[in-house]
N, C-alpha and C. Protein backbone atom coordinates (compact mmCIF):
# COMPACT_ATOMS: atom_id res chain seq x y z
N MET A 1 31.10 -176.39 5.24
CA MET A 1 30.21 -175.38 4.71
C MET A 1 30.49 -175.17 3.24
N SER A 2 29.47 -174.84 2.52
CA SER A 2 29.65 -174.60 1.10
C SER A 2 29.90 -173.12 0.86
N GLY A 3 30.63 -172.82 -0.18
CA GLY A 3 30.81 -171.44 -0.58
C GLY A 3 31.72 -170.66 0.35
N SER A 4 31.55 -169.36 0.29
CA SER A 4 32.40 -168.45 1.05
C SER A 4 31.60 -167.84 2.19
N VAL A 5 31.98 -168.16 3.41
CA VAL A 5 31.30 -167.62 4.58
C VAL A 5 32.07 -166.40 5.05
N SER A 6 31.34 -165.38 5.48
CA SER A 6 31.93 -164.08 5.77
C SER A 6 32.91 -164.07 6.93
N GLN A 7 32.74 -164.90 7.92
CA GLN A 7 33.63 -164.93 9.08
C GLN A 7 33.46 -166.27 9.76
N SER A 8 34.19 -166.49 10.83
CA SER A 8 34.04 -167.78 11.50
C SER A 8 32.73 -167.83 12.27
N VAL A 9 32.17 -169.02 12.32
CA VAL A 9 30.89 -169.27 12.97
C VAL A 9 31.05 -169.14 14.48
N LEU A 10 30.08 -168.52 15.14
CA LEU A 10 30.10 -168.43 16.60
C LEU A 10 29.99 -169.82 17.20
N HIS A 11 30.76 -170.06 18.25
CA HIS A 11 30.78 -171.36 18.93
C HIS A 11 30.41 -171.20 20.39
N ALA A 12 30.22 -172.34 21.06
CA ALA A 12 29.87 -172.35 22.48
C ALA A 12 30.81 -171.48 23.28
N GLY A 13 30.23 -170.70 24.18
CA GLY A 13 31.00 -169.82 25.05
C GLY A 13 31.12 -168.40 24.53
N GLN A 14 30.81 -168.17 23.26
CA GLN A 14 30.88 -166.82 22.71
C GLN A 14 29.54 -166.12 22.89
N ARG A 15 29.60 -164.82 23.15
CA ARG A 15 28.37 -164.03 23.28
C ARG A 15 27.79 -163.81 21.89
N ALA A 16 26.50 -164.07 21.77
CA ALA A 16 25.81 -163.81 20.50
C ALA A 16 25.57 -162.31 20.36
N PRO A 17 25.67 -161.81 19.15
CA PRO A 17 25.41 -160.37 18.96
C PRO A 17 23.94 -160.05 19.19
N ASP A 18 23.69 -158.90 19.78
CA ASP A 18 22.31 -158.44 19.92
C ASP A 18 21.81 -158.02 18.55
N PHE A 19 20.53 -158.28 18.30
CA PHE A 19 19.94 -157.87 17.03
C PHE A 19 18.44 -157.72 17.21
N GLU A 20 17.83 -157.10 16.23
CA GLU A 20 16.39 -156.97 16.15
C GLU A 20 16.04 -156.99 14.66
N LEU A 21 15.14 -157.88 14.26
CA LEU A 21 14.77 -158.03 12.86
C LEU A 21 13.26 -158.01 12.71
N PRO A 22 12.78 -157.58 11.54
CA PRO A 22 11.33 -157.56 11.31
C PRO A 22 10.74 -158.96 11.21
N VAL A 23 9.59 -159.13 11.85
CA VAL A 23 8.79 -160.33 11.72
C VAL A 23 7.52 -159.98 10.94
N ALA A 24 7.23 -158.70 10.87
CA ALA A 24 6.11 -158.12 10.11
C ALA A 24 6.53 -156.69 9.77
N PRO A 25 5.84 -156.03 8.86
CA PRO A 25 6.25 -154.67 8.50
C PRO A 25 6.33 -153.71 9.69
N ASP A 26 5.50 -153.94 10.70
CA ASP A 26 5.44 -153.02 11.83
C ASP A 26 5.83 -153.65 13.16
N HIS A 27 6.52 -154.81 13.12
CA HIS A 27 6.88 -155.51 14.36
C HIS A 27 8.23 -156.18 14.21
N LYS A 28 9.09 -155.97 15.21
CA LYS A 28 10.42 -156.59 15.21
C LYS A 28 10.57 -157.50 16.42
N VAL A 29 11.41 -158.50 16.26
CA VAL A 29 11.76 -159.43 17.34
C VAL A 29 13.27 -159.50 17.37
N GLY A 30 13.81 -159.60 18.58
CA GLY A 30 15.26 -159.68 18.70
C GLY A 30 15.68 -160.41 19.95
N THR A 31 16.97 -160.35 20.19
CA THR A 31 17.54 -161.08 21.31
C THR A 31 16.97 -160.64 22.65
N SER A 32 16.55 -159.40 22.78
CA SER A 32 16.03 -158.94 24.07
C SER A 32 14.77 -159.70 24.48
N GLN A 33 13.98 -160.18 23.51
CA GLN A 33 12.77 -160.93 23.84
C GLN A 33 13.08 -162.31 24.42
N PHE A 34 14.32 -162.78 24.25
CA PHE A 34 14.69 -164.11 24.73
C PHE A 34 15.51 -164.09 26.01
N ARG A 35 15.88 -162.92 26.48
CA ARG A 35 16.71 -162.85 27.69
C ARG A 35 16.02 -163.53 28.86
N GLY A 36 16.81 -164.24 29.65
CA GLY A 36 16.28 -164.93 30.81
C GLY A 36 15.79 -166.34 30.52
N ARG A 37 15.85 -166.75 29.26
CA ARG A 37 15.46 -168.11 28.90
C ARG A 37 16.25 -168.54 27.66
N PRO A 38 16.33 -169.83 27.41
CA PRO A 38 17.06 -170.28 26.22
C PRO A 38 16.39 -169.81 24.93
N ALA A 39 17.20 -169.66 23.90
CA ALA A 39 16.70 -169.28 22.58
C ALA A 39 17.29 -170.22 21.55
N VAL A 40 16.46 -170.63 20.61
CA VAL A 40 16.87 -171.44 19.48
C VAL A 40 16.78 -170.56 18.24
N LEU A 41 17.91 -170.33 17.58
CA LEU A 41 17.94 -169.54 16.35
C LEU A 41 18.28 -170.48 15.21
N ALA A 42 17.36 -170.59 14.27
CA ALA A 42 17.55 -171.48 13.12
C ALA A 42 17.70 -170.63 11.85
N PHE A 43 18.95 -170.45 11.41
CA PHE A 43 19.21 -169.77 10.15
C PHE A 43 18.98 -170.78 9.03
N TYR A 44 18.32 -170.35 7.96
CA TYR A 44 18.06 -171.26 6.84
C TYR A 44 18.15 -170.48 5.53
N PRO A 45 18.46 -171.19 4.43
CA PRO A 45 18.70 -170.49 3.16
C PRO A 45 17.51 -169.73 2.59
N ALA A 46 16.32 -170.37 2.53
CA ALA A 46 15.22 -169.69 1.83
C ALA A 46 13.87 -170.30 2.16
N ASP A 47 12.86 -169.43 2.26
CA ASP A 47 11.49 -169.91 2.32
C ASP A 47 11.21 -170.70 1.04
N TRP A 48 10.30 -171.61 1.10
CA TRP A 48 9.76 -172.34 -0.03
C TRP A 48 10.66 -173.44 -0.58
N SER A 49 11.89 -173.55 -0.13
CA SER A 49 12.69 -174.69 -0.60
C SER A 49 12.24 -175.92 0.18
N PRO A 50 12.28 -177.09 -0.43
CA PRO A 50 11.77 -178.29 0.24
C PRO A 50 12.44 -178.59 1.58
N VAL A 51 13.75 -178.50 1.66
CA VAL A 51 14.45 -178.83 2.91
C VAL A 51 14.11 -177.80 3.98
N CYS A 52 14.10 -176.53 3.62
CA CYS A 52 13.77 -175.48 4.60
C CYS A 52 12.35 -175.63 5.11
N GLY A 53 11.43 -175.93 4.19
CA GLY A 53 10.04 -176.13 4.60
C GLY A 53 9.90 -177.28 5.57
N ASP A 54 10.59 -178.39 5.28
CA ASP A 54 10.54 -179.54 6.18
C ASP A 54 11.17 -179.22 7.53
N GLN A 55 12.28 -178.49 7.52
CA GLN A 55 12.98 -178.15 8.76
C GLN A 55 12.10 -177.27 9.65
N MET A 56 11.53 -176.22 9.10
CA MET A 56 10.71 -175.31 9.90
C MET A 56 9.43 -176.01 10.38
N ALA A 57 8.84 -176.86 9.53
CA ALA A 57 7.65 -177.61 9.94
C ALA A 57 7.99 -178.59 11.08
N LEU A 58 9.17 -179.18 11.04
CA LEU A 58 9.60 -180.07 12.12
C LEU A 58 9.69 -179.30 13.43
N TYR A 59 10.28 -178.11 13.40
CA TYR A 59 10.40 -177.33 14.64
C TYR A 59 9.04 -176.94 15.18
N GLN A 60 8.09 -176.68 14.28
CA GLN A 60 6.72 -176.40 14.74
C GLN A 60 6.14 -177.64 15.40
N ALA A 61 6.38 -178.80 14.81
CA ALA A 61 5.83 -180.05 15.35
C ALA A 61 6.42 -180.39 16.72
N VAL A 62 7.69 -180.06 16.95
CA VAL A 62 8.32 -180.38 18.24
C VAL A 62 8.30 -179.20 19.20
N MET A 63 7.50 -178.18 18.87
CA MET A 63 7.41 -177.00 19.74
C MET A 63 7.09 -177.36 21.19
N PRO A 64 6.23 -178.34 21.47
CA PRO A 64 5.99 -178.69 22.88
C PRO A 64 7.27 -179.11 23.61
N GLU A 65 8.20 -179.74 22.92
CA GLU A 65 9.47 -180.11 23.54
C GLU A 65 10.32 -178.88 23.84
N PHE A 66 10.35 -177.94 22.89
CA PHE A 66 11.08 -176.69 23.13
C PHE A 66 10.47 -175.93 24.30
N GLU A 67 9.14 -175.90 24.35
CA GLU A 67 8.45 -175.19 25.42
C GLU A 67 8.70 -175.84 26.78
N ARG A 68 8.92 -177.13 26.79
CA ARG A 68 9.25 -177.83 28.04
C ARG A 68 10.50 -177.24 28.69
N TYR A 69 11.40 -176.71 27.87
CA TYR A 69 12.62 -176.07 28.36
C TYR A 69 12.47 -174.55 28.42
N ASN A 70 11.26 -174.05 28.19
CA ASN A 70 10.97 -172.62 28.16
C ASN A 70 11.80 -171.89 27.10
N ALA A 71 12.11 -172.59 26.01
CA ALA A 71 12.95 -172.03 24.96
C ALA A 71 12.12 -171.28 23.93
N GLY A 72 12.59 -170.09 23.58
CA GLY A 72 12.01 -169.36 22.47
C GLY A 72 12.66 -169.84 21.18
N VAL A 73 11.92 -169.79 20.08
CA VAL A 73 12.41 -170.26 18.78
C VAL A 73 12.18 -169.18 17.75
N ALA A 74 13.16 -168.99 16.86
CA ALA A 74 13.01 -168.07 15.74
C ALA A 74 13.75 -168.64 14.54
N GLY A 75 13.12 -168.57 13.38
CA GLY A 75 13.77 -168.88 12.12
C GLY A 75 14.27 -167.59 11.51
N ILE A 76 15.42 -167.64 10.83
CA ILE A 76 16.01 -166.43 10.24
C ILE A 76 16.50 -166.76 8.84
N SER A 77 16.06 -165.97 7.86
CA SER A 77 16.59 -166.07 6.51
C SER A 77 16.61 -164.67 5.90
N VAL A 78 17.16 -164.56 4.69
CA VAL A 78 17.24 -163.26 4.03
C VAL A 78 15.96 -162.93 3.24
N ASP A 79 14.95 -163.80 3.32
CA ASP A 79 13.68 -163.51 2.67
C ASP A 79 12.99 -162.33 3.35
N ASN A 80 12.06 -161.68 2.64
CA ASN A 80 11.36 -160.53 3.22
C ASN A 80 10.17 -160.97 4.07
N VAL A 81 9.60 -160.03 4.80
CA VAL A 81 8.51 -160.34 5.73
C VAL A 81 7.28 -160.91 5.02
N TRP A 82 7.02 -160.49 3.79
CA TRP A 82 5.85 -160.98 3.06
C TRP A 82 6.03 -162.44 2.66
N SER A 83 7.22 -162.79 2.25
CA SER A 83 7.51 -164.20 1.94
C SER A 83 7.38 -165.03 3.21
N HIS A 84 7.95 -164.53 4.31
CA HIS A 84 7.85 -165.24 5.59
C HIS A 84 6.39 -165.45 6.00
N ARG A 85 5.59 -164.42 5.86
CA ARG A 85 4.19 -164.51 6.28
C ARG A 85 3.46 -165.59 5.47
N ALA A 86 3.63 -165.58 4.16
CA ALA A 86 2.96 -166.57 3.31
C ALA A 86 3.49 -167.98 3.61
N PHE A 87 4.80 -168.10 3.78
CA PHE A 87 5.43 -169.38 4.08
C PHE A 87 4.91 -169.93 5.42
N ALA A 88 4.86 -169.07 6.44
CA ALA A 88 4.39 -169.49 7.76
C ALA A 88 2.93 -169.93 7.70
N GLU A 89 2.10 -169.18 7.01
CA GLU A 89 0.69 -169.54 6.88
C GLU A 89 0.53 -170.87 6.15
N ASP A 90 1.31 -171.06 5.08
CA ASP A 90 1.24 -172.29 4.30
C ASP A 90 1.67 -173.50 5.10
N ARG A 91 2.69 -173.34 5.95
CA ARG A 91 3.26 -174.46 6.71
C ARG A 91 2.73 -174.57 8.14
N GLY A 92 1.87 -173.65 8.56
CA GLY A 92 1.33 -173.70 9.92
C GLY A 92 2.35 -173.35 10.98
N ILE A 93 3.29 -172.49 10.64
CA ILE A 93 4.36 -172.10 11.56
C ILE A 93 3.89 -170.92 12.40
N THR A 94 3.99 -171.07 13.72
CA THR A 94 3.54 -170.00 14.62
C THR A 94 4.70 -169.27 15.30
N PHE A 95 5.91 -169.83 15.27
CA PHE A 95 7.05 -169.10 15.85
C PHE A 95 7.52 -168.06 14.84
N PRO A 96 8.20 -167.01 15.30
CA PRO A 96 8.58 -165.93 14.39
C PRO A 96 9.62 -166.34 13.36
N LEU A 97 9.39 -165.90 12.14
CA LEU A 97 10.37 -166.01 11.06
C LEU A 97 10.88 -164.60 10.81
N LEU A 98 12.16 -164.40 11.04
CA LEU A 98 12.74 -163.06 11.01
C LEU A 98 13.41 -162.78 9.67
N ALA A 99 13.19 -161.57 9.17
CA ALA A 99 13.70 -161.18 7.85
C ALA A 99 15.03 -160.45 7.98
N ASP A 100 16.10 -161.15 7.67
CA ASP A 100 17.45 -160.58 7.65
C ASP A 100 17.68 -160.01 6.24
N PHE A 101 16.76 -159.14 5.84
CA PHE A 101 16.58 -158.71 4.46
C PHE A 101 17.34 -157.44 4.10
N GLU A 102 17.33 -156.47 5.01
CA GLU A 102 17.96 -155.18 4.69
C GLU A 102 18.59 -154.58 5.93
N PRO A 103 19.88 -154.41 6.00
CA PRO A 103 20.83 -154.83 4.98
C PRO A 103 20.92 -156.35 4.91
N LYS A 104 20.90 -156.85 3.69
CA LYS A 104 20.80 -158.29 3.44
C LYS A 104 21.89 -159.08 4.17
N GLY A 105 21.43 -160.01 5.02
CA GLY A 105 22.34 -160.92 5.69
C GLY A 105 23.17 -160.31 6.81
N ASP A 106 22.81 -159.13 7.28
CA ASP A 106 23.61 -158.46 8.32
C ASP A 106 23.74 -159.30 9.58
N VAL A 107 22.64 -159.84 10.06
CA VAL A 107 22.68 -160.65 11.29
C VAL A 107 23.41 -161.97 11.02
N ALA A 108 23.12 -162.60 9.90
CA ALA A 108 23.82 -163.84 9.54
C ALA A 108 25.33 -163.62 9.49
N ARG A 109 25.75 -162.49 8.97
CA ARG A 109 27.19 -162.17 8.93
C ARG A 109 27.76 -162.12 10.35
N ARG A 110 27.02 -161.49 11.27
CA ARG A 110 27.52 -161.35 12.64
C ARG A 110 27.59 -162.69 13.37
N PHE A 111 26.79 -163.67 12.94
CA PHE A 111 26.86 -165.02 13.50
C PHE A 111 27.85 -165.89 12.71
N GLY A 112 28.40 -165.34 11.62
CA GLY A 112 29.37 -166.06 10.81
C GLY A 112 28.75 -167.08 9.88
N VAL A 113 27.48 -166.88 9.48
CA VAL A 113 26.79 -167.88 8.67
C VAL A 113 26.14 -167.30 7.41
N TYR A 114 26.70 -166.21 6.89
CA TYR A 114 26.20 -165.67 5.63
C TYR A 114 27.12 -166.15 4.52
N ASN A 115 26.55 -166.68 3.46
CA ASN A 115 27.34 -167.17 2.34
C ASN A 115 27.38 -166.09 1.26
N GLU A 116 28.53 -165.49 1.08
CA GLU A 116 28.69 -164.39 0.12
C GLU A 116 28.45 -164.85 -1.32
N GLN A 117 28.82 -166.08 -1.63
CA GLN A 117 28.67 -166.57 -3.01
C GLN A 117 27.22 -166.81 -3.39
N THR A 118 26.44 -167.35 -2.49
CA THR A 118 25.05 -167.65 -2.80
C THR A 118 24.09 -166.55 -2.38
N GLY A 119 24.52 -165.67 -1.49
CA GLY A 119 23.68 -164.57 -1.04
C GLY A 119 22.58 -164.98 -0.08
N VAL A 120 22.78 -166.11 0.61
CA VAL A 120 21.79 -166.58 1.58
C VAL A 120 22.51 -167.04 2.85
N CYS A 121 21.73 -167.31 3.88
CA CYS A 121 22.26 -167.84 5.13
C CYS A 121 22.65 -169.30 4.92
N GLU A 122 23.66 -169.72 5.63
CA GLU A 122 23.94 -171.15 5.73
C GLU A 122 22.83 -171.77 6.56
N ARG A 123 22.69 -173.09 6.51
CA ARG A 123 21.74 -173.79 7.37
C ARG A 123 22.46 -173.98 8.70
N ALA A 124 22.15 -173.13 9.68
CA ALA A 124 22.89 -173.11 10.94
C ALA A 124 21.94 -172.99 12.12
N LEU A 125 22.29 -173.67 13.18
CA LEU A 125 21.51 -173.66 14.42
C LEU A 125 22.35 -173.12 15.55
N PHE A 126 21.72 -172.30 16.38
CA PHE A 126 22.36 -171.78 17.58
C PHE A 126 21.39 -171.92 18.74
N VAL A 127 21.88 -172.43 19.85
CA VAL A 127 21.11 -172.44 21.09
C VAL A 127 21.83 -171.47 22.02
N LEU A 128 21.10 -170.45 22.48
CA LEU A 128 21.66 -169.44 23.37
C LEU A 128 21.12 -169.67 24.77
N ASP A 129 21.95 -169.39 25.77
CA ASP A 129 21.45 -169.46 27.14
C ASP A 129 20.69 -168.17 27.46
N GLY A 130 20.16 -168.06 28.64
CA GLY A 130 19.35 -166.91 29.02
C GLY A 130 20.10 -165.60 29.06
N ASP A 131 21.44 -165.67 29.02
CA ASP A 131 22.27 -164.46 29.00
C ASP A 131 22.74 -164.10 27.59
N GLY A 132 22.32 -164.88 26.59
CA GLY A 132 22.71 -164.58 25.22
C GLY A 132 24.06 -165.14 24.82
N VAL A 133 24.53 -166.14 25.55
CA VAL A 133 25.81 -166.79 25.22
C VAL A 133 25.49 -168.08 24.47
N VAL A 134 26.26 -168.34 23.41
CA VAL A 134 26.05 -169.56 22.63
C VAL A 134 26.37 -170.77 23.50
N ALA A 135 25.39 -171.65 23.64
CA ALA A 135 25.59 -172.90 24.37
C ALA A 135 25.93 -174.03 23.41
N TRP A 136 25.46 -173.91 22.15
CA TRP A 136 25.68 -174.96 21.15
C TRP A 136 25.42 -174.36 19.78
N SER A 137 26.18 -174.79 18.79
CA SER A 137 25.93 -174.37 17.41
C SER A 137 26.29 -175.49 16.46
N GLN A 138 25.67 -175.45 15.29
CA GLN A 138 25.92 -176.45 14.26
C GLN A 138 25.62 -175.85 12.91
N VAL A 139 26.47 -176.12 11.93
CA VAL A 139 26.21 -175.73 10.55
C VAL A 139 26.08 -177.01 9.74
N SER A 140 25.01 -177.10 8.95
CA SER A 140 24.74 -178.28 8.13
C SER A 140 24.83 -177.92 6.66
N PRO A 141 25.07 -178.89 5.80
CA PRO A 141 25.03 -178.63 4.36
C PRO A 141 23.64 -178.12 3.96
N PRO A 142 23.57 -177.27 2.94
CA PRO A 142 22.27 -176.69 2.56
C PRO A 142 21.18 -177.71 2.28
N GLY A 143 21.53 -178.87 1.73
CA GLY A 143 20.54 -179.87 1.37
C GLY A 143 20.20 -180.86 2.48
N VAL A 144 20.68 -180.63 3.69
CA VAL A 144 20.46 -181.57 4.79
C VAL A 144 19.65 -180.91 5.89
N ASN A 145 18.53 -181.54 6.24
CA ASN A 145 17.73 -181.09 7.37
C ASN A 145 18.43 -181.56 8.65
N PRO A 146 18.88 -180.64 9.51
CA PRO A 146 19.62 -181.06 10.71
C PRO A 146 18.76 -181.67 11.79
N GLY A 147 17.44 -181.64 11.63
CA GLY A 147 16.56 -182.20 12.64
C GLY A 147 16.57 -181.39 13.91
N ALA A 148 16.06 -182.00 14.98
CA ALA A 148 15.93 -181.29 16.26
C ALA A 148 16.74 -181.93 17.38
N ASP A 149 17.35 -183.09 17.15
CA ASP A 149 18.05 -183.80 18.22
C ASP A 149 19.16 -182.97 18.85
N GLY A 150 19.98 -182.32 18.04
CA GLY A 150 21.07 -181.51 18.59
C GLY A 150 20.55 -180.38 19.46
N ILE A 151 19.48 -179.74 19.01
CA ILE A 151 18.87 -178.65 19.78
C ILE A 151 18.37 -179.19 21.12
N LEU A 152 17.62 -180.29 21.07
CA LEU A 152 17.06 -180.85 22.30
C LEU A 152 18.15 -181.33 23.24
N ASN A 153 19.23 -181.91 22.72
CA ASN A 153 20.36 -182.32 23.57
C ASN A 153 20.99 -181.11 24.24
N ALA A 154 21.14 -180.01 23.49
CA ALA A 154 21.73 -178.79 24.07
C ALA A 154 20.81 -178.22 25.16
N LEU A 155 19.51 -178.19 24.90
CA LEU A 155 18.57 -177.68 25.90
C LEU A 155 18.57 -178.56 27.15
N GLU A 156 18.63 -179.87 26.96
CA GLU A 156 18.68 -180.79 28.10
C GLU A 156 19.97 -180.59 28.89
N GLY A 157 21.08 -180.41 28.20
CA GLY A 157 22.34 -180.15 28.88
C GLY A 157 22.31 -178.88 29.70
N MET A 158 21.69 -177.84 29.14
CA MET A 158 21.58 -176.58 29.90
C MET A 158 20.68 -176.76 31.11
N ALA A 159 19.59 -177.51 30.96
CA ALA A 159 18.67 -177.74 32.07
C ALA A 159 19.37 -178.56 33.15
N SER A 160 20.17 -179.54 32.77
CA SER A 160 20.89 -180.38 33.72
C SER A 160 21.88 -179.57 34.54
N GLU A 161 22.52 -178.59 33.90
CA GLU A 161 23.48 -177.73 34.61
C GLU A 161 22.80 -176.88 35.67
N ARG A 162 21.52 -176.55 35.45
CA ARG A 162 20.79 -175.70 36.39
C ARG A 162 20.18 -176.48 37.55
N ARG A 163 20.03 -177.80 37.36
CA ARG A 163 19.41 -178.60 38.41
C ARG A 163 20.35 -178.75 39.60
N PRO A 164 19.83 -178.61 40.80
CA PRO A 164 20.68 -178.78 41.97
C PRO A 164 21.06 -180.25 42.14
N VAL A 165 22.27 -180.48 42.62
CA VAL A 165 22.73 -181.83 42.90
C VAL A 165 22.23 -182.21 44.28
N LEU A 166 21.57 -183.35 44.38
CA LEU A 166 21.01 -183.79 45.66
C LEU A 166 21.97 -184.69 46.39
């Protein structure tokens, strides 16, 4: 990881902190909306940066694969709801982009992925199980799009654990 991260990153087996963040001025989304099904949380540094735009557009493109596992998806950055709205409209993103804006980076800090030096989230992925426990996490360098393979492998692994052995 680059810079100074506020605490250690949450890893598999740790309970994710409960949170609720604005997706619009009058609407919030949080962990309670994902209970009972897997959740993909994609922390990213900033709307409008080329790598972030490509990453979020990729997740929109592979949304049918996420839905195959009944997984909810949310992007999280320290940008405000208005930036998120314009960014989502520009990129055709339909999953929620959550504003970890005020207090800035509070949720990212609780996941251990807020960079104090740069004032933005690290590029980090978390897959939570239906109980809100981290099943998989990854932190990537800011300039690297982590793709979707790790997420899909984690979701497949969780689905395999639930399948009965014949």
